Amino acid sequence: MTNKELIKAAAESIGLKFGGAFNPLVDNSDAFMLMVKLGLTVGVIGDDTVTAKAGDVVLFEPLGTDRIAATRRVIVRAAAELRGL
């Protein structure tokens, strides 16, 4: 799935239309809004993995060198998964 597809699915998961300035892959406040509105639980496992969980959906993302970007990405991936993609 491309970044554009992830962002579109994430926007739709909280009732937003795709387009405009919404980009939770790069904007912390957009990612935070997704996390709160979708009721995601986000956490870090050890030194190398971040998780996002909502209901039966549990996703993992390697932290890599940019822990904040990895956290945003797992939140967006979880939103897309909840949207059904």
Protein backbone atom coordinates (compact mmCIF):
# COMPACT_ATOMS: atom_id res chain seq x y z
CA MET A 1 0.00 0.00 0.00
CA THR A 2 1.37 3.42 -0.92
CA ASN A 3 1.65 6.30 1.54
CA LYS A 4 -1.13 8.09 -0.33
CA GLU A 5 -3.43 5.07 0.06
CA LEU A 6 -2.58 4.82 3.75
CA ILE A 7 -3.34 8.50 4.33
CA LYS A 8 -6.62 8.26 2.41
CA ALA A 9 -7.75 5.22 4.40
CA ALA A 10 -6.71 6.85 7.66
CA ALA A 11 -8.68 10.00 6.83
CA GLU A 12 -11.75 7.96 5.92
CA SER A 13 -11.45 5.92 9.14
CA ILE A 14 -12.34 9.04 11.13
CA GLY A 15 -14.80 10.51 8.65
CA LEU A 16 -12.52 12.99 6.89
CA LYS A 17 -12.34 13.50 3.15
CA PHE A 18 -8.97 12.78 1.61
CA GLY A 19 -7.00 15.84 0.60
CA GLY A 20 -5.95 19.07 2.13
CA ALA A 21 -3.29 19.30 4.78
CA PHE A 22 -4.13 16.06 6.64
CA ASN A 23 -0.99 13.92 6.67
CA PRO A 24 -0.54 11.81 9.81
CA LEU A 25 2.63 10.24 8.39
CA VAL A 26 4.46 13.55 8.91
CA ASP A 27 2.23 15.54 11.28
CA ASN A 28 2.23 14.53 14.94
CA SER A 29 -1.10 16.24 15.68
CA ASP A 30 -2.84 14.40 12.82
CA ALA A 31 -1.44 11.08 14.06
CA PHE A 32 -2.50 11.91 17.63
CA MET A 33 -6.02 12.74 16.41
CA LEU A 34 -6.22 9.33 14.71
CA MET A 35 -5.00 7.57 17.84
CA VAL A 36 -7.54 9.28 20.09
CA LYS A 37 -10.56 9.10 17.74
CA LEU A 38 -9.96 5.42 16.97
CA GLY A 39 -9.16 4.47 20.57
CA LEU A 40 -5.77 3.05 19.67
CA THR A 41 -3.40 1.85 22.34
CA VAL A 42 0.16 2.61 21.27
CA GLY A 43 3.26 1.30 23.00
CA VAL A 44 6.90 0.38 22.63
CA ILE A 45 8.21 -3.17 22.98
CA GLY A 46 11.84 -3.34 23.99
CA ASP A 47 14.18 -1.06 22.12
CA ASP A 48 13.10 -1.80 18.58
CA THR A 49 9.33 -2.09 18.03
CA VAL A 50 6.27 0.12 18.37
CA THR A 51 2.74 -1.31 18.41
CA ALA A 52 -0.76 -0.02 17.80
CA LYS A 53 -3.81 -1.94 19.00
CA ALA A 54 -7.54 -1.49 18.62
CA GLY A 55 -9.78 -4.44 19.32
CA ASP A 56 -8.46 -7.43 17.40
CA VAL A 57 -6.15 -5.28 15.27
CA VAL A 58 -2.54 -5.33 16.48
CA LEU A 59 0.23 -3.98 14.28
CA PHE A 60 3.98 -3.72 14.77
CA GLU A 61 6.50 -1.33 13.23
CA PRO A 62 10.29 -1.36 13.68
CA LEU A 63 11.46 1.79 15.46
CA GLY A 64 14.55 2.31 13.31
CA THR A 65 16.38 5.59 13.73
CA ASP A 66 13.27 7.81 13.90
CA ARG A 67 11.07 6.59 16.74
CA ILE A 68 8.48 9.32 16.23
CA ALA A 69 8.07 8.60 12.51
CA ALA A 70 7.72 4.88 13.25
CA THR A 71 5.02 5.65 15.83
CA ARG A 72 3.10 7.84 13.37
CA ARG A 73 3.39 5.12 10.71
CA VAL A 74 2.02 2.33 12.93
CA ILE A 75 -0.90 4.59 13.91
CA VAL A 76 -1.71 5.27 10.24
CA ARG A 77 -1.37 1.58 9.36
CA ALA A 78 -3.77 0.67 12.18
CA ALA A 79 -6.28 3.28 10.98
CA ALA A 80 -6.11 1.85 7.47
CA GLU A 81 -6.57 -1.66 8.82
CA LEU A 82 -9.62 -0.59 10.81
CA ARG A 83 -10.98 0.99 7.62
CA GLY A 84 -10.81 -2.47 6.09
CA LEU A 85 -7.83 -2.19 3.77
